[in-house]
Each structure stands twice: as C-alpha cells, then as structure tokens.
Protein backbone atom coordinates (compact mmCIF):
# COMPACT_ATOMS: atom_id res chain seq x y z
CA VAL A 1 135.87 72.30 94.81
CA ARG A 2 138.60 69.80 95.72
CA GLY A 3 136.55 67.82 98.26
CA THR A 4 138.94 68.48 101.16
CA LEU A 5 136.82 70.81 103.32
CA GLU A 6 136.38 69.54 106.89
CA TYR A 7 135.81 70.83 110.40
CA THR A 8 136.28 69.45 113.92
CA SER A 9 134.04 71.07 116.52
CA PRO A 10 135.19 71.77 120.09
CA ASP A 11 133.27 68.71 121.30
CA GLY A 12 135.20 66.47 118.91
CA ARG A 13 132.61 65.95 116.19
CA VAL A 14 134.14 65.82 112.72
CA TYR A 15 132.40 67.20 109.63
CA ARG A 16 133.63 66.51 106.12
CA LEU A 17 132.17 66.43 102.63
CA ASN A 18 130.41 63.36 101.29
CA GLU A 19 131.63 61.67 98.15
CA ARG A 20 128.57 63.09 96.35
CA VAL A 21 128.00 66.77 97.02
CA ALA A 22 125.71 69.52 95.80
CA THR A 23 126.84 71.64 92.88
CA LEU A 24 128.79 74.65 94.08
CA VAL A 25 127.46 78.01 92.91
CA VAL A 26 129.50 81.02 94.08
CA ARG A 27 127.81 84.33 94.77
CA PRO A 28 130.07 87.40 94.56
CA ARG A 29 128.90 90.52 96.35
CA GLY A 30 126.92 93.13 94.42
CA TRP A 31 128.36 96.03 92.46
CA HIS A 32 127.36 98.50 95.21
CA LEU A 33 129.83 97.06 97.74
CA GLU A 34 133.56 97.59 98.27
CA GLU A 35 136.15 95.30 99.86
CA ARG A 36 137.50 97.74 102.43
CA HIS A 37 140.41 95.49 103.48
CA VAL A 38 142.08 95.48 100.05
CA ARG A 39 143.14 98.65 98.24
CA ILE A 40 144.71 99.43 94.90
CA ASP A 41 146.39 102.84 94.58
CA GLY A 42 144.77 103.79 97.89
CA ALA A 43 141.20 103.03 96.79
CA PRO A 44 139.09 100.08 98.00
CA VAL A 45 138.64 97.23 95.52
CA SER A 46 135.19 96.41 94.12
CA ALA A 47 133.79 93.62 96.28
CA SER A 48 132.31 92.00 93.18
CA LEU A 49 135.66 91.79 91.42
CA PHE A 50 137.45 90.75 94.61
CA ASP A 51 135.09 87.84 95.28
CA PHE A 52 134.87 86.60 91.72
CA GLY A 53 138.57 87.12 91.03
CA LEU A 54 139.74 85.07 94.00
CA PHE A 55 137.30 82.24 93.31
CA PHE A 56 138.03 82.09 89.61
CA HIS A 57 141.82 82.42 89.87
CA HIS A 58 142.17 79.64 92.41
CA ASN A 59 139.39 77.29 91.32
CA ALA A 60 138.31 77.69 87.71
CA GLY A 61 140.78 75.16 86.37
CA ALA A 62 140.00 72.70 89.16
CA THR A 63 136.26 72.82 88.44
CA VAL A 64 136.87 72.12 84.76
CA ASP A 65 139.31 69.29 85.56
CA ARG A 66 136.61 67.67 87.69
CA GLY A 67 134.04 67.75 84.89
CA SER A 68 132.19 70.74 86.27
CA ALA A 69 132.51 74.47 85.55
CA PRO A 70 132.75 77.81 87.36
CA TYR A 71 129.10 78.47 88.27
CA VAL A 72 128.26 81.91 89.63
CA TYR A 73 125.17 83.60 91.03
CA LEU A 74 124.91 87.33 90.36
CA PRO A 75 122.93 89.46 92.84
CA LYS A 76 121.62 93.03 92.89
CA LEU A 77 121.80 93.75 89.15
CA GLU A 78 119.68 96.70 88.00
CA SER A 79 120.34 96.90 84.25
CA GLY A 80 121.57 95.29 81.09
CA GLU A 81 124.66 97.49 81.33
CA GLU A 82 125.60 95.93 84.67
CA ALA A 83 125.15 92.48 83.14
CA ALA A 84 127.37 93.54 80.22
CA LEU A 85 130.05 94.57 82.71
CA TRP A 86 129.92 91.08 84.22
CA ASN A 87 130.19 89.60 80.75
CA ASP A 88 133.35 91.65 80.12
CA VAL A 89 134.77 90.30 83.38
CA PHE A 90 133.97 86.73 82.34
CA VAL A 91 135.55 87.09 78.90
CA PHE A 92 138.70 88.70 80.34
CA SER A 93 139.05 86.08 83.09
CA GLN A 94 138.62 83.08 80.81
CA ASP A 95 141.21 84.47 78.40
CA ALA A 96 143.61 85.21 81.25
CA LEU A 97 143.55 81.61 82.54
CA GLY A 98 143.13 79.82 79.23
CA ILE A 99 139.63 78.61 80.07
CA PRO A 100 137.42 78.13 76.97
CA GLN A 101 135.04 81.01 76.39
CA GLY A 102 131.51 80.30 77.59
CA ARG A 103 132.57 77.84 80.29
CA ILE A 104 131.39 80.19 83.04
CA ARG A 105 127.66 79.80 83.60
CA ALA A 106 125.87 82.56 85.47
CA THR A 107 122.43 82.66 87.07
CA VAL A 108 121.18 86.20 87.58
CA LEU A 109 119.04 87.00 90.58
CA ILE A 110 116.22 89.29 89.43
CA GLU A 111 115.67 90.94 92.79
CA THR A 112 115.19 94.59 91.83
CA ILE A 113 112.30 96.28 90.08
CA LEU A 114 114.80 97.89 87.70
CA ALA A 115 116.17 94.50 86.66
CA ALA A 116 112.62 93.22 86.12
CA LEU A 117 112.15 95.97 83.54
CA GLU A 118 115.30 94.78 81.71
CA MET A 119 115.20 90.98 81.89
CA GLU A 120 115.59 90.68 78.12
CA GLU A 121 118.58 93.04 78.10
CA ILE A 122 120.25 91.19 80.98
CA LEU A 123 119.89 87.82 79.26
CA TYR A 124 121.15 89.27 75.99
CA ALA A 125 124.22 90.85 77.59
CA LEU A 126 125.11 87.48 79.18
CA ARG A 127 123.96 85.34 76.26
CA ASP A 128 127.25 83.39 76.04
CA HIS A 129 127.36 82.73 79.78
CA ALA A 130 123.76 82.77 81.04
CA ALA A 131 122.26 79.73 82.74
CA GLY A 132 119.03 81.51 83.63
CA LEU A 133 117.24 83.96 85.87
CA ASN A 134 116.06 83.50 89.45
CA ALA A 135 113.08 85.21 91.10
CA GLY A 136 114.36 86.82 94.32
CA ARG A 137 111.07 87.59 96.01
CA TRP A 138 112.18 89.23 99.28
CA ASP A 139 114.78 91.56 97.81
CA TYR A 140 112.31 92.34 95.04
CA ILE A 141 109.71 93.60 97.51
CA PHE A 142 112.40 95.66 99.24
CA SER A 143 113.49 97.12 95.90
CA VAL A 144 109.96 98.25 95.11
CA ILE A 145 109.73 100.03 98.48
CA LYS A 146 113.20 101.56 98.12
CA ASN A 147 112.81 102.87 94.59
CA PHE A 148 109.41 104.42 95.29
CA SER A 149 109.88 105.24 98.97
CA ALA A 150 108.88 108.89 98.54
CA ARG A 151 105.53 108.05 96.95
CA PRO A 152 102.53 107.40 99.22
CA ASP A 153 100.79 105.43 96.46
CA PHE A 154 103.53 102.78 96.78
CA VAL A 155 102.96 102.12 100.50
CA LEU A 156 102.65 98.35 101.02
CA PRO A 157 100.67 96.56 103.76
CA ASP A 158 102.08 94.09 106.31
CA ARG A 159 104.84 91.95 104.83
CA ALA A 160 102.84 88.77 105.45
CA GLN A 161 100.12 90.07 103.13
CA VAL A 162 102.49 90.70 100.20
CA THR A 163 102.36 87.17 98.84
CA MET A 164 103.35 85.78 95.48
CA GLU A 165 99.67 85.88 94.51
CA VAL A 166 99.28 89.67 94.64
CA PRO A 167 99.14 91.23 91.15
CA PHE A 168 102.55 92.93 90.94
CA MET A 169 104.39 89.85 92.23
CA ARG A 170 102.40 87.56 89.94
CA SER A 171 103.26 89.73 86.93
CA TYR A 172 106.94 89.69 87.85
CA THR A 173 107.24 85.91 88.15
CA GLU A 174 105.19 85.11 85.04
CA LEU A 175 107.22 87.58 83.00
CA LEU A 176 110.42 85.94 84.26
CA VAL A 177 109.31 82.50 83.07
CA ARG A 178 108.20 83.79 79.66
CA THR A 179 111.41 85.79 79.19
CA CYS A 180 113.68 82.89 80.13
CA HIS A 181 111.89 80.23 78.09
CA SER A 182 111.63 82.42 75.01
CA ARG A 183 115.45 82.61 75.09
CA GLY A 184 116.17 79.01 76.09
CA ALA A 185 117.26 79.91 79.63
CA HIS A 186 116.22 78.32 82.92
CA ALA A 187 113.68 80.06 85.17
CA ILE A 188 114.28 79.43 88.87
CA GLY A 189 111.60 80.11 91.47
CA GLY A 190 111.81 81.91 94.80
CA MET A 191 112.90 80.96 98.29
CA ALA A 192 110.62 79.15 100.73
CA ALA A 193 111.83 80.70 103.99
CA PHE A 194 110.14 78.39 106.54
CA ILE A 195 112.39 76.63 109.07
CA PRO A 196 110.75 73.49 110.53
CA SER A 197 110.17 73.49 114.29
CA ARG A 198 111.45 70.60 116.38
CA ARG A 199 108.82 71.31 119.05
CA ASP A 200 105.54 72.19 117.34
CA PRO A 201 104.18 69.73 114.73
CA ALA A 202 101.05 71.85 114.28
CA VAL A 203 103.12 74.86 113.19
CA ASN A 204 105.04 72.62 110.80
CA ALA A 205 101.89 71.18 109.24
CA VAL A 206 100.44 74.62 108.43
CA ALA A 207 103.72 76.02 107.14
CA ILE A 208 104.61 72.98 105.03
CA GLU A 209 101.22 73.14 103.37
CA LYS A 210 101.95 76.77 102.43
CA VAL A 211 105.34 75.75 101.04
CA ARG A 212 103.73 72.91 99.09
CA ALA A 213 101.14 75.26 97.57
CA ASP A 214 103.86 77.78 96.70
CA LYS A 215 105.99 75.18 94.92
CA GLU A 216 102.94 73.74 93.17
CA ARG A 217 102.19 77.21 91.79
CA GLU A 218 105.78 77.68 90.61
CA ALA A 219 105.91 74.30 88.90
CA TRP A 220 102.62 74.86 87.07
CA ASP A 221 103.68 78.40 86.13
CA GLY A 222 106.61 76.91 84.23
CA PHE A 223 109.59 77.33 86.56
CA ASP A 224 112.37 74.78 86.06
CA GLY A 225 113.58 74.67 89.67
CA THR A 226 113.29 76.46 92.99
CA TRP A 227 114.89 77.30 96.33
CA VAL A 228 114.17 76.29 99.93
CA ALA A 229 115.80 77.57 103.12
CA HIS A 230 116.04 74.22 104.93
CA PRO A 231 116.96 70.68 103.78
CA ASP A 232 113.74 69.25 105.26
CA LEU A 233 111.79 71.21 102.63
CA VAL A 234 113.64 69.66 99.69
CA PRO A 235 111.29 66.63 99.47
CA VAL A 236 108.26 68.96 99.57
CA ALA A 237 109.54 71.08 96.69
CA GLU A 238 110.87 68.07 94.77
CA ALA A 239 107.51 66.29 94.93
CA GLU A 240 105.64 69.24 93.41
CA PHE A 241 108.16 69.75 90.60
CA THR A 242 108.32 66.02 89.86
CA ARG A 243 104.53 65.97 89.58
CA VAL A 244 104.74 68.53 86.78
CA LEU A 245 108.10 67.75 85.13
CA GLY A 246 108.14 63.99 85.48
CA ASP A 247 111.60 62.83 84.48
CA ARG A 248 112.32 65.93 82.37
CA PRO A 249 115.21 68.10 83.63
CA HIS A 250 113.32 71.32 82.84
CA GLN A 251 110.23 72.62 81.05
CA LYS A 252 111.76 75.25 78.79
CA ASP A 253 109.40 74.09 76.06
CA ARG A 254 106.59 75.89 77.94
CA LEU A 255 106.98 79.30 76.33
CA ARG A 256 104.13 80.92 78.27
CA GLU A 257 102.97 82.87 75.23
CA ASP A 258 99.70 83.39 77.10
CA VAL A 259 101.48 85.84 79.42
CA THR A 260 101.34 89.54 78.59
CA VAL A 261 102.99 91.83 81.13
CA GLU A 262 103.56 95.54 80.62
CA ALA A 263 105.66 97.90 82.73
CA ALA A 264 102.47 99.21 84.33
CA ASP A 265 101.68 95.69 85.59
CA LEU A 266 105.03 95.50 87.35
CA LEU A 267 104.34 98.85 89.02
CA ASP A 268 100.76 98.12 90.09
CA VAL A 269 101.36 97.53 93.80
CA ARG A 270 97.76 97.36 94.92
CA VAL A 271 97.26 94.52 97.41
CA PRO A 272 93.58 93.53 97.63
CA GLY A 273 92.47 93.76 101.24
CA GLY A 274 95.95 94.86 102.35
CA ARG A 275 96.23 96.41 105.82
CA VAL A 276 98.94 97.87 108.03
CA THR A 277 98.45 96.45 111.51
CA ALA A 278 99.98 96.78 114.95
CA GLU A 279 101.13 93.15 114.66
CA GLY A 280 102.84 94.01 111.37
CA VAL A 281 104.71 96.89 113.03
CA ARG A 282 105.73 94.68 115.95
CA ALA A 283 106.90 91.85 113.70
CA ASN A 284 108.99 94.23 111.57
CA VAL A 285 110.65 95.77 114.63
CA ARG A 286 111.39 92.35 116.12
CA VAL A 287 112.82 90.89 112.92
CA ALA A 288 114.93 93.95 112.16
CA ILE A 289 116.51 94.16 115.61
CA ALA A 290 117.04 90.39 115.96
CA TYR A 291 118.52 90.04 112.49
CA MET A 292 120.82 93.05 112.70
CA ALA A 293 122.11 91.91 116.11
CA SER A 294 122.95 88.52 114.56
CA TRP A 295 124.52 90.21 111.53
CA LEU A 296 126.78 92.23 113.83
CA GLU A 297 127.88 88.92 115.38
CA GLY A 298 128.82 87.53 111.96
CA ARG A 299 125.73 85.52 110.97
CA GLY A 300 124.20 86.39 107.62
CA ALA A 301 121.12 84.13 107.78
CA VAL A 302 119.21 83.54 111.00
CA ALA A 303 116.16 81.49 112.01
CA ILE A 304 113.71 83.85 113.74
CA ASP A 305 110.24 82.61 114.73
CA ASN A 306 110.50 79.63 112.33
CA LEU A 307 111.47 81.73 109.31
CA MET A 308 114.90 82.04 107.75
CA GLU A 309 115.57 85.77 107.87
CA ASP A 310 118.40 87.29 105.87
CA ALA A 311 119.43 90.78 104.84
CA ALA A 312 116.57 90.90 102.32
CA THR A 313 113.81 90.24 104.84
CA ALA A 314 115.39 92.59 107.36
CA GLU A 315 115.52 95.22 104.61
CA ILE A 316 111.78 94.81 104.02
CA ALA A 317 111.12 95.15 107.76
CA ARG A 318 113.04 98.39 108.24
CA ALA A 319 111.96 99.78 104.85
CA GLN A 320 108.30 99.30 105.68
CA LEU A 321 108.77 100.95 109.07
CA TRP A 322 110.41 103.96 107.39
CA GLN A 323 107.68 104.07 104.77
CA TRP A 324 104.85 103.84 107.31
CA HIS A 325 106.47 106.45 109.60
CA HIS A 326 107.47 108.82 106.80
CA HIS A 327 103.98 108.84 105.29
CA GLY A 328 102.16 108.86 108.64
CA VAL A 329 100.24 105.67 107.91
CA GLU A 330 97.26 104.82 110.10
CA VAL A 331 97.97 101.46 111.75
CA GLU A 332 95.11 99.21 112.80
CA GLY A 333 95.20 98.84 116.57
CA MET A 334 97.76 101.62 117.04
CA GLY A 335 96.80 104.82 115.26
CA ARG A 336 99.21 106.87 113.19
CA LEU A 337 102.77 105.55 113.28
CA ASP A 338 104.79 108.44 114.69
CA ARG A 339 108.07 108.58 116.55
CA ALA A 340 106.50 107.95 119.96
CA SER A 341 104.48 104.91 118.89
CA TYR A 342 107.46 103.44 117.02
CA GLU A 343 109.77 103.92 120.01
CA ALA A 344 107.25 102.29 122.34
CA VAL A 345 107.18 99.16 120.16
CA ARG A 346 110.96 99.23 119.77
CA ASP A 347 111.48 99.34 123.55
CA ARG A 348 109.10 96.42 124.15
CA GLU A 349 110.67 94.22 121.47
CA LEU A 350 114.22 95.08 122.52
CA THR A 351 113.40 94.09 126.11
CA ARG A 352 111.78 90.85 124.94
CA LEU A 353 114.74 89.87 122.75
CA VAL A 354 117.23 90.45 125.56
CA GLU A 355 115.05 88.51 128.01
CA GLU A 356 115.01 85.64 125.50
CA GLY A 357 118.79 85.47 125.70
CA GLY A 358 119.99 88.03 123.20
CA ASP A 359 123.30 89.80 123.82
CA PRO A 360 122.30 93.15 125.41
CA GLU A 361 125.05 95.23 123.82
CA ARG A 362 124.57 93.85 120.31
CA HIS A 363 120.80 94.25 120.53
CA ARG A 364 121.14 97.84 121.75
CA GLN A 365 123.45 98.55 118.81
CA ALA A 366 120.92 96.96 116.46
CA ALA A 367 118.11 99.05 117.95
CA ALA A 368 120.16 102.23 117.52
CA LEU A 369 120.82 101.30 113.92
CA LEU A 370 117.12 100.62 113.36
CA ASP A 371 116.24 104.02 114.86
CA ALA A 372 118.52 105.73 112.35
CA LEU A 373 117.01 103.74 109.48
CA VAL A 374 113.37 104.30 110.49
CA LEU A 375 113.46 107.88 111.76
CA GLY A 376 115.93 109.37 109.30
CA GLU A 377 114.57 111.95 106.88
CA GLU A 378 116.17 110.20 103.88
CA PHE A 379 115.69 106.54 102.99
CA ALA A 380 119.00 104.69 103.48
CA GLU A 381 119.93 102.60 100.46
CA PHE A 382 121.11 99.49 102.35
CA LEU A 383 121.07 98.71 106.07
CA THR A 384 124.41 96.88 105.92
CA LEU A 385 126.29 99.99 104.80
CA GLY A 386 125.41 101.76 108.07
CA ALA A 387 125.98 98.62 110.12
CA TYR A 388 129.68 98.40 109.21
CA GLN A 389 130.44 101.24 111.66
CA TYR A 390 129.79 98.82 114.53
CA LEU A 391 132.33 96.27 113.30
CA SER A 392 135.99 96.40 114.25
C-alpha cells in the first residue's frame, strides 16, 4: 500500500516495488475458517474478520489517500446471506474509520455450486460495494463433487476432461456474464493454470495455444477480464481480450440476453465421452501428495508438471479419488478402484516424488493425509482442516 515493501535474499539480491505497481486486491480467508492464534473470550476469532479487520484498520485510509480504495476478493461464499454478512462488515468498518460508505469494492469469487444458484442474491446483498463476480473454475468443480459426493450420478471423469466447454461449466460461466452485465457489474473469467517450461518449447507451444483458445472463448462470451497463473501468460490473455474489447475498459453493454440457464443446467454434470482412466488416478494421487507436502512446508501455490496447483486443484484430486473409490468406479486400465489398487498407485507415486527430491517426511505425512481423505467413510469438507494437525 505504501510502496515500501522490499526483500534482500541471502545471496544479496535486493527486491523492491516498482514505481508503478499492480492494483492490490486483498483476499480474506473464507467464513469456514478460524484464526486459531487469536482468541476472544476463549474462542478463536473468525479468520475472515481477522484478515479483513487487520488490513482495513491499518490500510484503508492509506489506500484512499493514494487515490485508490480498499479492494477485496471474497472467496467461498455459498449464499446471499453470507454476502449480506460481508456487507454488514463493510458498513460497520467504514463508519468506524470515517471512510465514505461504498468506498470498499468487493469482487466475489463464485466458486461453489450453491453460490452459482444465488448470483443475483449475492450481487444484490453487496450492491453498494460490489465490483463484480469472478468464475472460480477449479473450486467450482470441487464444490460440485463435494455437495453431491454421495450420489453416483454426479461422478465426474478425469479432471483433464472436465473442461470449460462441458455443458455444466458452460452454463455456469454464461450465467455469470449475463447476471453481472444485467446489473452493471464486471464479469471476470477463470484462471489459466499453465506454468511455462524453461526446457521444453514444444510443451509451451501446445499449452499456450490452449490458454489462447480459453481466453478467446471468455472474451467472446462477454467477460470483462481474466486471470492467469504466470506473468508470461499476460500477453496471451491481453491479446485475446484486446481483440474483442479494443480500447474499451469492459463490455458490460453485452447483456447476453440470448443466455437462458436454469438450475437443472447447472446440475447437469454429464461429460460427453468422459472416462475415468488409470492415468487420471495416477495424476490425482501425484498432485494431491505433492501439493499437500508443499502446503505443509508453507507454500500455498506450487508448480507441478507445468501447472500451477493450489488448494482448489488438490481438492479436486483427492475428492475425485474419494468419489471413485466410494462408488467403486471401473477405471480404464486398472479395474475397479478399491483400497488395494489405490494404495498400489499411492506407493508408486510417493516413491517417485521422494526420488525426485521431495522431503521424505513431509511426503509421508501428505500420503497419510491423502489416505484418510480417500479411504474415509465420510467425505471430508476441506483437506486443509485435517492438514493443520501436522503443523506446529
């Protein structure tokens, strides 16, 4: 906020902010989390209130003084009521510090199936503070699995086959654009997770073409902006949006009145040609163990096999494994996924990850955590809640 952040690495390299920097958007933790290190009357503080309160108290005035504003990014919402609670927090906080009402601008991440069913209500609850809605594709897929985990008719195929083109994802994103633009709010597209390789130009060429096609689709669908996981992808995304927007800052005039999406469309999870394969099982086990080992070491986003994996993608990986095991899915090239076949894959991938340089103890802890998540009778709500037991 104040432009003073800097860091000197052990080898003497100095990092500091440029004169011109990106706009800061602060993401407080979701309503489901607690800040266990701070208690009031013996009870842990809401992590959402803790994060927002500290940021706003110390920085709201400074952002306004510098011609900006307190911009926030709200994750994990599931209802208009939760959005209304955030609005109450915003109103209270602005009054408390003498900040004009409406100065806070919030972008809501629509990353749960429940929130997708209440986009209108969420925007209405935050109408004095809303900047727009963002399509959170990875968490959204996880949310669909989680909320319907007990139902065999909601079993999804390999993660790689659940693209933005499949019907239920297409319905979700088109509804988001229509909802936002009908209310004058910005619609922000999803994350391109590819991380460019420094060693394999052929891999880069294929992946960048997929990113380009994805951003082309978003721009033509009416989105006003988008996300990428790596700075090298910014020119790719920018080129596609510039081609559609020209010099306009947004395309909120595209109301997408041609879009008609019902609740049934959001819940139609059929994936044409979708298959559960042995490679899909292996990839999920590898990503889940590698990510959770990194998470236990304090890294929240990790490049694994040229993709930026975060808690959302790890959640998909372990959720699919639970779903496939719980429902006894037949896996191409493997047979029915039972405990023995899962454990065989887990042992192979754990050995590979350690041989590739992974910390043996952390990876064993991650594998134990994955076992509990995959083989447990009940579907665990979030992997991070169980992972905290391994942290000091």
